[in-house]
Protein backbone atom coordinates (compact mmCIF):
# COMPACT_ATOMS: atom_id res chain seq x y z
CA UNK A 1 72.51 76.95 30.87
CA UNK A 2 76.23 75.96 31.00
CA UNK A 3 78.74 78.35 31.89
CA UNK A 4 81.66 77.63 29.94
CA UNK A 5 83.82 77.37 32.46
CA UNK A 6 84.15 73.50 33.43
CA UNK A 7 87.19 72.07 32.55
CA UNK A 8 87.04 68.77 29.73
CA UNK A 9 86.42 65.55 32.28
CA UNK A 10 84.58 67.42 35.09
CA UNK A 11 81.96 65.58 35.47
CA UNK A 12 84.27 62.57 36.80
CA UNK A 13 86.15 65.46 38.98
CA UNK A 14 82.53 66.21 40.65
CA UNK A 15 81.32 62.48 40.90
CA UNK A 16 84.72 61.53 42.61
CA UNK A 17 83.23 64.69 44.88
CA UNK A 18 80.30 63.59 45.85
CA UNK A 19 81.73 59.71 45.77
CA UNK A 20 83.40 60.50 48.90
CA UNK A 21 80.65 62.47 50.88
CA UNK A 22 78.26 59.25 49.91
CA UNK A 23 80.62 56.88 50.97
CA UNK A 24 81.31 58.55 54.39
CA UNK A 25 77.83 58.90 55.08
CA UNK A 26 77.34 54.87 53.95
CA UNK A 27 79.95 53.33 56.29
CA UNK A 28 78.96 55.60 59.15
CA UNK A 29 75.28 54.63 59.13
CA UNK A 30 76.37 50.62 59.02
CA UNK A 31 79.34 51.03 60.93
CA UNK A 32 77.97 52.89 64.10
CA UNK A 33 75.02 49.91 64.79
CA UNK A 34 78.25 47.81 65.48
CA UNK A 35 79.81 50.18 68.26
CA UNK A 36 76.91 51.19 69.97
CA UNK A 37 77.41 48.24 73.10
CA UNK A 38 80.28 49.80 73.75
CA UNK A 39 79.14 53.70 73.30
CA UNK A 40 76.21 52.58 75.66
CA UNK A 41 78.69 51.41 78.48
CA UNK A 42 81.18 53.65 77.83
CA UNK A 43 78.92 56.83 78.43
CA UNK A 44 76.95 55.27 80.75
CA UNK A 45 73.91 55.83 78.74
CA UNK A 46 70.13 54.58 78.57
CA UNK A 47 68.95 52.21 75.85
CA UNK A 48 66.22 54.86 74.43
CA UNK A 49 69.65 57.59 74.20
CA UNK A 50 71.63 54.98 72.10
CA UNK A 51 68.51 54.39 69.92
CA UNK A 52 68.36 58.33 69.23
CA UNK A 53 71.98 58.71 68.43
CA UNK A 54 70.95 56.38 65.42
CA UNK A 55 67.35 58.82 64.88
CA UNK A 56 68.36 61.71 65.26
CA UNK A 57 70.58 62.09 62.29
CA UNK A 58 67.73 60.77 59.97
CA UNK A 59 65.39 62.78 62.04
CA UNK A 60 67.32 66.09 61.33
CA UNK A 61 68.28 65.57 57.75
CA UNK A 62 64.98 64.59 56.52
CA UNK A 63 63.15 67.76 57.73
CA UNK A 64 65.70 69.89 56.57
CA UNK A 65 66.78 68.92 53.19
CA UNK A 66 64.25 70.45 50.86
CA UNK A 67 64.89 74.02 52.56
CA UNK A 68 68.66 73.63 51.53
CA UNK A 69 67.73 72.04 48.13
CA UNK A 70 65.74 75.10 47.20
CA UNK A 71 68.76 77.21 48.36
CA UNK A 72 70.85 75.79 46.09
CA UNK A 73 68.65 76.32 43.35
CA UNK A 74 68.85 80.44 44.20
CA UNK A 75 72.83 80.25 45.04
CA UNK A 76 74.55 77.05 43.87
CA UNK A 77 75.47 74.11 45.31
CA UNK A 78 79.25 74.04 45.39
CA UNK A 79 79.05 76.08 48.00
CA UNK A 80 76.53 74.49 50.05
CA UNK A 81 77.92 71.09 49.61
CA UNK A 82 81.22 72.09 50.69
CA UNK A 83 79.80 73.61 54.35
CA UNK A 84 78.21 70.66 54.50
CA UNK A 85 81.55 68.63 54.56
CA UNK A 86 82.64 70.68 56.60
CA UNK A 87 80.06 70.56 59.24
CA UNK A 88 79.51 66.88 58.92
CA UNK A 89 83.24 66.84 59.76
CA UNK A 90 83.01 69.29 62.78
CA UNK A 91 79.80 66.93 64.11
CA UNK A 92 82.23 63.53 63.74
CA UNK A 93 84.53 65.57 66.00
CA UNK A 94 82.10 66.48 68.55
CA UNK A 95 80.56 62.74 68.32
CA UNK A 96 84.02 61.49 69.00
CA UNK A 97 84.65 63.77 71.95
CA UNK A 98 81.15 62.82 73.88
CA UNK A 99 81.70 62.83 77.84
CA UNK A 100 80.55 60.55 80.54
CA UNK A 101 79.14 63.04 82.52
CA UNK A 102 76.30 63.97 79.98
CA UNK A 103 75.01 60.16 79.56
CA UNK A 104 75.11 60.22 75.54
CA UNK A 105 73.04 63.25 74.72
CA UNK A 106 75.98 65.35 74.38
CA UNK A 107 76.20 62.21 71.48
CA UNK A 108 72.88 63.14 70.57
CA UNK A 109 73.49 66.96 70.27
CA UNK A 110 76.51 66.46 67.88
CA UNK A 111 74.78 63.55 65.52
CA UNK A 112 72.14 66.79 65.04
CA UNK A 113 75.42 68.62 63.73
CA UNK A 114 76.04 65.72 61.40
CA UNK A 115 72.56 64.92 59.80
CA UNK A 116 72.86 69.31 59.32
CA UNK A 117 76.01 68.38 57.31
CA UNK A 118 74.41 65.10 55.76
CA UNK A 119 71.56 67.07 54.45
CA UNK A 120 74.08 69.92 53.20
CA UNK A 121 75.15 66.67 51.36
CA UNK A 122 72.45 65.08 50.57
CA UNK A 123 70.09 68.03 48.88
CA UNK A 124 73.51 68.79 46.58
CA UNK A 125 74.46 65.81 45.10
CA UNK A 126 72.57 64.46 42.77
CA UNK A 127 72.29 67.88 41.26
CA UNK A 128 76.07 68.41 40.88
CA UNK A 129 76.35 64.72 39.27
CA UNK A 130 73.34 65.99 37.30
CA UNK A 131 74.56 69.36 36.48
CA UNK A 132 77.79 67.81 35.94
CA UNK A 133 76.46 64.56 33.17
CA UNK A 134 75.56 65.69 29.71
CA UNK A 135 71.50 64.51 29.28
CA UNK A 136 72.11 60.96 27.91
CA UNK A 137 74.61 60.21 30.67
CA UNK A 138 73.02 61.51 33.58
CA UNK A 139 72.01 57.64 35.01
CA UNK A 140 75.40 56.65 34.18
CA UNK A 141 76.68 59.13 37.03
CA UNK A 142 73.96 58.33 39.30
CA UNK A 143 74.89 55.17 39.05
CA UNK A 144 78.45 54.43 39.49
CA UNK A 145 77.41 57.44 42.19
CA UNK A 146 75.28 54.25 43.75
CA UNK A 147 78.64 52.11 44.15
CA UNK A 148 79.86 54.49 47.28
CA UNK A 149 76.54 54.13 49.11
CA UNK A 150 77.09 50.16 48.42
CA UNK A 151 80.21 49.41 49.45
CA UNK A 152 80.11 51.98 52.46
CA UNK A 153 77.10 49.34 53.91
CA UNK A 154 78.69 46.38 52.79
CA UNK A 155 82.53 47.67 54.56
CA UNK A 156 80.88 49.91 58.03
CA UNK A 157 80.61 46.41 59.57
CA UNK A 158 83.95 45.43 59.32
CA UNK A 159 85.70 48.94 59.95
CA UNK A 160 82.91 49.36 62.83
CA UNK A 161 84.48 46.48 63.95
CA UNK A 162 88.05 47.01 63.64
CA UNK A 163 87.14 51.09 64.86
CA UNK A 164 85.01 49.54 68.10
CA UNK A 165 88.04 47.08 68.94
CA UNK A 166 90.68 50.10 69.07
CA UNK A 167 87.81 52.54 71.20
CA UNK A 168 84.28 53.19 69.66
CA UNK A 169 85.47 56.88 69.61
CA UNK A 170 87.73 56.08 66.40
CA UNK A 171 83.81 54.90 64.68
CA UNK A 172 83.48 59.49 64.65
CA UNK A 173 86.91 60.75 64.59
CA UNK A 174 88.19 58.80 61.70
CA UNK A 175 85.56 60.98 59.58
CA UNK A 176 87.69 64.19 60.53
CA UNK A 177 90.97 63.19 58.44
CA UNK A 178 88.91 62.08 55.40
CA UNK A 179 85.65 64.93 56.15
CA UNK A 180 88.82 68.08 55.50
CA UNK A 181 89.91 65.87 52.76
CA UNK A 182 86.73 65.87 50.96
CA UNK A 183 86.10 69.64 51.88
CA UNK A 184 89.53 70.48 51.00
CA UNK A 185 89.16 68.75 47.30
CA UNK A 186 85.53 69.74 47.08
CA UNK A 187 86.70 73.76 47.38
CA UNK A 188 89.47 73.20 44.57
CA UNK A 189 87.64 71.11 42.28
CA UNK A 190 84.16 71.62 42.38
CA UNK A 191 82.75 74.63 40.15
CA UNK A 192 79.47 76.12 38.90
CA UNK A 193 78.56 74.10 35.33
CA UNK A 194 74.93 75.81 35.15
CA UNK A 195 74.26 79.08 35.65
CA UNK A 196 71.02 80.10 37.89
CA UNK A 197 68.56 82.76 37.24
CA UNK A 198 69.28 86.11 39.66
CA UNK A 199 67.52 88.00 41.56
CA UNK A 200 65.63 85.01 43.49
CA UNK A 201 63.48 85.12 47.15
CA UNK A 202 63.74 82.89 49.73
CA UNK A 203 60.33 81.64 51.22
CA UNK A 204 61.10 82.19 54.95
CA UNK A 205 57.69 81.28 56.11
CA UNK A 206 56.93 78.30 54.38
CA UNK A 207 60.83 77.23 55.06
CA UNK A 208 60.12 77.72 58.55
CA UNK A 209 56.28 76.22 58.54
CA UNK A 210 57.69 73.15 56.50
CA UNK A 211 60.77 72.73 58.76
CA UNK A 212 58.90 72.64 62.24
CA UNK A 213 56.00 70.83 60.51
CA UNK A 214 58.25 67.95 59.42
CA UNK A 215 60.62 68.01 62.16
CA UNK A 216 57.53 67.90 64.93
CA UNK A 217 55.89 64.47 62.85
CA UNK A 218 58.76 62.54 62.56
CA UNK A 219 59.89 63.43 66.11
CA UNK A 220 56.27 61.73 67.02
CA UNK A 221 56.47 59.06 64.85
CA UNK A 222 59.97 58.30 66.56
CA UNK A 223 58.29 58.41 69.94
CA UNK A 224 55.79 55.94 69.03
CA UNK A 225 58.41 53.46 67.71
CA UNK A 226 60.57 54.25 70.88
CA UNK A 227 58.11 55.71 73.81
CA UNK A 228 59.98 58.11 75.76
CA UNK A 229 57.99 61.05 78.21
CA UNK A 230 54.23 61.19 78.79
CA UNK A 231 52.33 59.10 76.57
CA UNK A 232 50.59 61.87 75.53
CA UNK A 233 53.78 63.74 73.45
CA UNK A 234 53.45 61.89 70.41
CA UNK A 235 49.91 63.04 69.85
CA UNK A 236 50.74 66.52 70.51
CA UNK A 237 53.40 66.27 68.18
CA UNK A 238 51.94 65.02 65.44
CA UNK A 239 48.78 67.28 65.89
CA UNK A 240 50.48 70.33 66.05
CA UNK A 241 53.02 69.11 63.28
CA UNK A 242 49.86 68.51 61.06
CA UNK A 243 48.56 71.99 61.41
CA UNK A 244 51.98 73.90 60.84
CA UNK A 245 51.98 71.41 57.43
CA UNK A 246 48.25 72.95 56.12
CA UNK A 247 49.27 76.27 56.76
CA UNK A 248 52.84 75.74 55.10
CA UNK A 249 50.63 74.36 52.02
CA UNK A 250 48.48 77.57 52.15
CA UNK A 251 51.58 79.61 52.27
CA UNK A 252 53.07 78.33 49.03
CA UNK A 253 50.06 78.60 47.16
CA UNK A 254 50.16 82.67 47.98
CA UNK A 255 53.39 83.21 47.56
CA UNK A 256 55.47 84.35 44.03
CA UNK A 257 58.44 81.77 44.65
CA UNK A 258 57.56 79.03 46.95
CA UNK A 259 59.59 77.02 48.79
CA UNK A 260 58.75 73.74 47.41
CA UNK A 261 56.67 74.56 43.83
CA UNK A 262 53.65 71.98 43.66
CA UNK A 263 53.54 72.53 40.31
CA UNK A 264 56.23 69.83 39.61
CA UNK A 265 54.01 67.69 40.67
CA UNK A 266 52.23 68.15 37.56
CA UNK A 267 54.26 66.36 35.98
CA UNK A 268 53.62 63.17 35.82
CA UNK A 269 56.83 61.56 35.67
CA UNK A 270 57.88 63.32 38.64
CA UNK A 271 54.99 62.87 40.50
CA UNK A 272 54.92 59.38 39.91
CA UNK A 273 58.80 59.04 40.39
CA UNK A 274 58.56 60.37 43.95
CA UNK A 275 55.31 58.20 44.72
CA UNK A 276 57.35 55.32 44.08
CA UNK A 277 60.42 56.59 45.94
CA UNK A 278 58.50 57.14 49.18
CA UNK A 279 56.37 54.33 48.79
CA UNK A 280 59.48 52.25 48.43
CA UNK A 281 61.13 54.10 51.50
CA UNK A 282 58.24 52.79 53.71
CA UNK A 283 58.14 49.78 52.46
CA UNK A 284 61.94 48.35 53.16
CA UNK A 285 63.19 51.15 55.44
CA UNK A 286 62.50 49.33 58.74
CA UNK A 287 63.60 45.92 56.65
CA UNK A 288 67.29 46.21 57.44
CA UNK A 289 66.56 46.61 61.37
CA UNK A 290 64.68 43.79 61.36
CA UNK A 291 67.19 42.00 59.52
CA UNK A 292 69.68 42.72 62.15
CA UNK A 293 67.39 41.90 65.13
CA UNK A 294 66.63 38.17 63.22
CA UNK A 295 69.91 37.52 63.05
CA UNK A 296 71.30 38.52 66.42
CA UNK A 297 68.00 36.97 67.78
CA UNK A 298 66.93 33.73 66.42
CA UNK A 299 70.47 33.10 64.83
CA UNK A 300 72.17 33.75 67.74
CA UNK A 301 74.72 36.16 66.26
CA UNK A 302 76.38 38.98 68.06
CA UNK A 303 76.93 42.90 65.93
CA UNK A 304 79.67 42.63 64.26
CA UNK A 305 78.87 38.73 62.85
CA UNK A 306 75.34 39.93 61.98
CA UNK A 307 76.51 43.49 59.70
CA UNK A 308 78.93 40.72 58.12
CA UNK A 309 75.88 38.39 57.68
CA UNK A 310 74.06 41.27 55.93
CA UNK A 311 76.41 41.75 53.09
CA UNK A 312 74.78 40.38 50.55
CA UNK A 313 71.94 43.07 50.36
CA UNK A 314 75.00 45.58 50.29
CA UNK A 315 76.67 42.98 47.22
CA UNK A 316 73.81 42.61 44.85
CA UNK A 317 72.81 46.67 45.18
CA UNK A 318 76.78 47.13 44.41
CA UNK A 319 76.44 44.91 41.34
CA UNK A 320 73.12 46.27 40.14
CA UNK A 321 73.07 49.70 40.58
CA UNK A 322 75.55 51.38 38.27
CA UNK A 323 74.06 48.83 35.11
CA UNK A 324 70.80 49.74 35.88
CA UNK A 325 71.41 53.55 35.63
CA UNK A 326 73.44 53.13 32.45
CA UNK A 327 70.78 51.11 31.14
CA UNK A 328 68.10 53.58 31.81
CA UNK A 329 70.19 56.16 29.80
CA UNK A 330 68.73 54.53 26.52
CA UNK A 331 65.97 52.68 27.99
CA UNK A 332 64.43 54.97 30.32
CA UNK A 333 63.24 54.58 33.92
CA UNK A 334 59.43 52.53 33.88
CA UNK A 335 60.81 49.01 32.77
CA UNK A 336 63.51 49.03 35.20
CA UNK A 337 62.09 51.10 38.06
CA UNK A 338 59.47 48.58 37.89
CA UNK A 339 61.13 45.70 37.68
CA UNK A 340 63.39 46.39 40.72
CA UNK A 341 60.69 46.73 42.93
CA UNK A 342 58.92 43.80 41.32
CA UNK A 343 62.50 41.40 42.54
CA UNK A 344 62.26 43.87 45.78
CA UNK A 345 58.58 42.33 46.61
CA UNK A 346 60.06 38.49 45.80
CA UNK A 347 62.82 39.16 48.47
CA UNK A 348 60.77 40.84 50.99
CA UNK A 349 57.97 37.74 50.18
CA UNK A 350 60.80 35.34 50.97
CA UNK A 351 61.73 37.09 54.09
CA UNK A 352 58.30 36.91 55.56
CA UNK A 353 58.96 32.95 55.98
CA UNK A 354 62.25 33.07 57.73
CA UNK A 355 62.54 31.16 61.05
CA UNK A 356 65.54 30.32 63.34
CA UNK A 357 65.59 27.23 61.02
CA UNK A 358 66.38 28.95 58.02
CA UNK A 359 69.76 28.09 56.31
CA UNK A 360 71.68 31.50 55.42
CA UNK A 361 72.06 30.23 52.32
CA UNK A 362 68.15 30.70 51.44
CA UNK A 363 68.13 34.07 53.71
CA UNK A 364 71.08 35.09 51.61
CA UNK A 365 69.09 34.79 48.35
CA UNK A 366 66.11 36.48 50.00
CA UNK A 367 68.59 39.83 50.65
CA UNK A 368 70.17 39.17 47.17
CA UNK A 369 66.63 39.56 45.60
CA UNK A 370 66.25 42.52 48.01
CA UNK A 371 69.39 44.23 47.28
CA UNK A 372 69.48 43.65 43.54
CA UNK A 373 66.10 44.95 43.54
CA UNK A 374 66.54 47.85 45.18
CA UNK A 375 69.51 49.03 42.93
CA UNK A 376 67.38 48.18 40.04
CA UNK A 377 65.20 50.37 41.01
CA UNK A 378 66.92 53.35 42.50
CA UNK A 379 69.56 54.71 39.78
CA UNK A 380 66.48 54.96 37.26
CA UNK A 381 64.20 56.40 39.40
CA UNK A 382 66.76 58.99 40.35
CA UNK A 383 67.37 59.52 37.00
CA UNK A 384 63.75 60.01 35.95
CA UNK A 385 63.29 62.43 38.63
CA UNK A 386 66.54 64.82 38.39
CA UNK A 387 65.90 64.85 34.12
CA UNK A 388 62.33 65.74 34.29
CA UNK A 389 63.17 69.44 36.11
CA UNK A 390 64.96 72.40 35.06
CA UNK A 391 68.33 72.90 35.62
CA UNK A 392 67.28 76.00 38.51
CA UNK A 393 65.08 73.32 40.19
CA UNK A 394 67.05 70.19 40.27
CA UNK A 395 68.38 71.11 44.01
CA UNK A 396 64.66 70.88 45.06
CA UNK A 397 64.27 68.05 43.08
CA UNK A 398 66.94 66.22 44.43
CA UNK A 399 65.83 67.45 48.14
CA UNK A 400 62.06 66.39 47.96
CA UNK A 401 62.86 63.14 46.55
CA UNK A 402 65.09 62.43 49.18
CA UNK A 403 62.69 63.36 51.67
CA UNK A 404 60.22 61.72 50.62
CA UNK A 405 62.61 58.50 50.51
CA UNK A 406 63.52 59.22 54.35
CA UNK A 407 60.09 59.79 55.49
CA UNK A 408 58.78 56.88 54.43
CA UNK A 409 61.86 55.06 56.21
CA UNK A 410 60.41 56.64 59.38
CA UNK A 411 56.74 55.64 58.93
CA UNK A 412 58.20 52.35 58.14
CA UNK A 413 60.13 52.15 61.39
CA UNK A 414 57.35 53.67 63.39
CA UNK A 415 55.21 50.94 62.04
CA UNK A 416 57.75 47.96 62.20
CA UNK A 417 59.34 48.22 65.67
CA UNK A 418 55.90 48.19 67.76
CA UNK A 419 54.35 45.95 65.24
CA UNK A 420 57.76 43.09 66.22
CA UNK A 421 58.89 44.67 69.63
CA UNK A 422 56.27 45.74 71.61
CA UNK A 423 55.27 41.64 71.98
CA UNK A 424 58.84 41.03 73.96
CA UNK A 425 60.19 41.94 76.97
CA UNK A 426 61.87 44.87 76.86
CA UNK A 427 64.63 43.64 78.55
CA UNK A 428 65.26 40.90 75.48
CA UNK A 429 64.68 43.19 73.41
CA UNK A 430 67.49 45.24 74.36
CA UNK A 431 69.97 42.68 74.91
CA UNK A 432 68.93 41.09 71.30
CA UNK A 433 69.62 44.85 70.27
CA UNK A 434 72.69 45.33 71.83
CA UNK A 435 75.09 42.30 72.12
CA UNK A 436 73.03 39.90 70.38
CA UNK A 437 73.02 36.27 71.63
CA UNK A 438 70.16 34.47 70.92
CA UNK A 439 67.06 33.72 71.75
CA UNK A 440 66.88 29.80 72.50
CA UNK A 441 66.54 30.65 76.55
CA UNK A 442 63.53 32.17 75.52
CA UNK A 443 61.27 30.02 73.08
CA UNK A 444 58.14 31.68 73.48
CA UNK A 445 59.26 34.86 73.52
CA UNK A 446 60.83 33.50 69.77
CA UNK A 447 57.65 32.40 68.42
CA UNK A 448 56.27 35.93 69.53
CA UNK A 449 59.25 37.67 67.49
CA UNK A 450 59.10 35.66 64.46
CA UNK A 451 55.07 35.98 64.04
CA UNK A 452 55.74 39.57 63.99
CA UNK A 453 58.44 39.57 61.96
CA UNK A 454 56.75 37.59 59.20
CA UNK A 455 53.54 39.89 59.42
CA UNK A 456 56.09 43.10 58.88
CA UNK A 457 57.55 41.49 56.10
CA UNK A 458 54.31 40.76 54.53
CA UNK A 459 53.34 44.39 54.89
CA UNK A 460 56.17 45.64 53.50
CA UNK A 461 55.59 43.01 50.61
CA UNK A 462 52.17 44.19 49.97
CA UNK A 463 53.48 48.48 49.81
CA UNK A 464 56.26 47.25 47.25
CA UNK A 465 53.52 45.93 44.70
CA UNK A 466 51.96 49.05 45.36
CA UNK A 467 54.77 51.08 44.46
CA UNK A 468 55.52 49.00 41.01
CA UNK A 469 52.15 49.58 40.55
CA UNK A 470 53.15 53.38 40.68
CA UNK A 471 56.62 53.09 39.18
CA UNK A 472 54.53 51.51 35.64
CA UNK A 473 51.72 54.06 35.69
CA UNK A 474 54.48 57.02 34.84
CA UNK A 475 55.17 57.56 30.88
CA UNK A 476 56.85 54.69 28.82
CA UNK A 477 58.37 57.88 26.99
CA UNK A 478 60.54 60.22 28.89
CA UNK A 479 60.10 64.18 28.01
CA UNK A 480 62.19 67.05 28.47
CA UNK A 481 61.97 68.81 31.68
CA UNK A 482 59.78 70.83 33.06
CA UNK A 483 60.32 74.77 32.50
């Protein structure tokens, strides 16, 4: 229930705080790719170490976000969100201070700290917006929040190029004053508009088994995509994670207040919307990575040019996301979310035909279909998930949605990268990923790369169509939150 202490117009204050966090995280992700060559050279790091600079953040965020979501439902969102801002800022500072003698591994550790902060931000962002906006306007708030994510994706390559030209360390250090400002702004202006039940218990063993199990699974998947260490290590990690996750399920069915209440999935709308989100993550998790490889390989662009050329995806998302959120408040999520996935599938089918001879205009059309479809799907689907649960379960609802989407993305990378890149020499792959410059001197490699790329996009298109079917099966009339 409402606490009654929130000032008039608080929903826009809450939106401003969460938007800053989303913008920082989004810019960081796309800007960092531009600076990777400089980071590798200056820290004298290996290629796989640099890959872990990217993956560590996503892995940590995915593994711990459900636990944080549950804690948020127990003690509130405000303090956890502000702590996330502070920890993200600390991780950014440590990333910018990485030293050459550690060859990039201290940067990986700092990115893990950033990931912990990001998990606190992501787990609470949608719940804060949902708490602040009245029922019937939640989609509008979530849609506007999507602007920051899309804008960060579009601006990231340009910002990354400018900052890298000064010094790659500024890719991280620029977050410090912005993060401090966001932390202070949140401390001063955020409220707890909803009163949560008191006397709740924390499910320690469920949280431990889930975090270790999910972390082991995602680490194993990462090692499948980017091998490091003994060949049997991914199998051991994934076998151990299956046992831990099985133990987690048993624990959750025998504790009074579980970390993840499986009863939520008995709500048809919640279950199918989350299934669609997971499948959507699986379908397009590796798409932008693969497009970057394509632009730097067959198209022969450098990382900065490639980043700028992916702008149609973000711009289309930026244009459609807020509108679809607004419309979902009036017309529900089924039609909008399903249509978005179908539009994305057309874009993916088009990408399955691209070659080094494809004109950029046509490539941009396919990216617009992908971005517009994603924007059409994302806000209504999140609105459906957040509106289908009671106030005291919004933290775990938001976290579950993020976890499933990110897990799908990690599976996507683990499947797509070996499918596309294992067929080409490592020396060529490293050079293309870090520096670009084309594959015109290796026509056989170009042919093999494009064949693998087409297969990956066809698989992604098929998974998107399955996601669309799951989305369509949700109720046409969206009922009130489950108790």
